[in-house]
Amino acid sequence: MRGSASRLLARAGCVGVALALAALTACSATPLAVRAWPAADLADVGEPFSADFLLADQDFEDGTFLVGDAVQAFFEKTPYGPPSFLASYTEKGRRASDLVAAAAARHRVSALWLLARLERDGVLVAARRYPAESKDVEFVFGYGCSGRLLCDPTFGGLGVQVDALAGELRRTLDDLRRAGVTANGYAVGAPRRTLDGVTVSPASEATATLYAVEPVAGGAGGGQELTWRIFRHYASFVGYSPQGPDRP
């Protein structure tokens, strides 16, 4: 995690090291780096942010909207102008675009949301060159890390990190649907205070899931609001129209 969101999670004592990928939590104890996001990531998206509604369920679970070639085209012609370094990045012979698309399809979660997280957590979409710190790619979401210098190499790699995030989102949503509430108390229509002090009443299962995985509203410092802004920016760029709020 980056910026204020990661610091809040660090104070909460989140640890991302686990013996198996399915057991990983969604945060690292400390940020790997503090990022300065491009102005486009912070820009107005034409509608106000609602902390109660991040994403409609149908958009959250739209795991096949972007296939590998579509993600590749996105990396080659980004909303920021120049191509992302991810357009030419490969891992064990697989393109970054295929890694993202495969995780989205496997876990049935939005590839656009995963792309927005890659940007928010590592500024990887806007980056024209491979980052100076390899951990910014290899451990972009902090899975397998319990601090800046303590990362388990077993969980290193862009593909592992993206699949871990997508998998945790899917498991959390499935658990919510089975129990009616997440393990940390998020449910549709139920007020809950985030780690940064914002009371939210999730208007969709997707919103409850996203807060359960990362309970930080965030504002300009990161968290869910910044991910939402980047997601809306990307959706407009590729011609995707997200649905309006689901009602509890």
Foldseek 3Di string as FASTA:
>chain_A
DAFPLQQLVLVVPAPAADPDLLPGAQHANHALYHDDAPPLLVDDLPDDDDLQEQAAPVQFLQLQPAALVNLLVCQCQDPLGHHFPQNVDDDPRHGLSNLLSVLSVVLRGHSLLLVLLLCQQQVRSVHRDQDPDVCCQQCSRPRQHHDNPGRDSVQGHNSSNSNSVSNQLSVQLVVCVVPQAGPVGFHAQDWDAASVGDTYHHQHSSSSSQCVRRRDSQPPRGDSVSSSSSSSVVCVVVVHDGDDGHGD
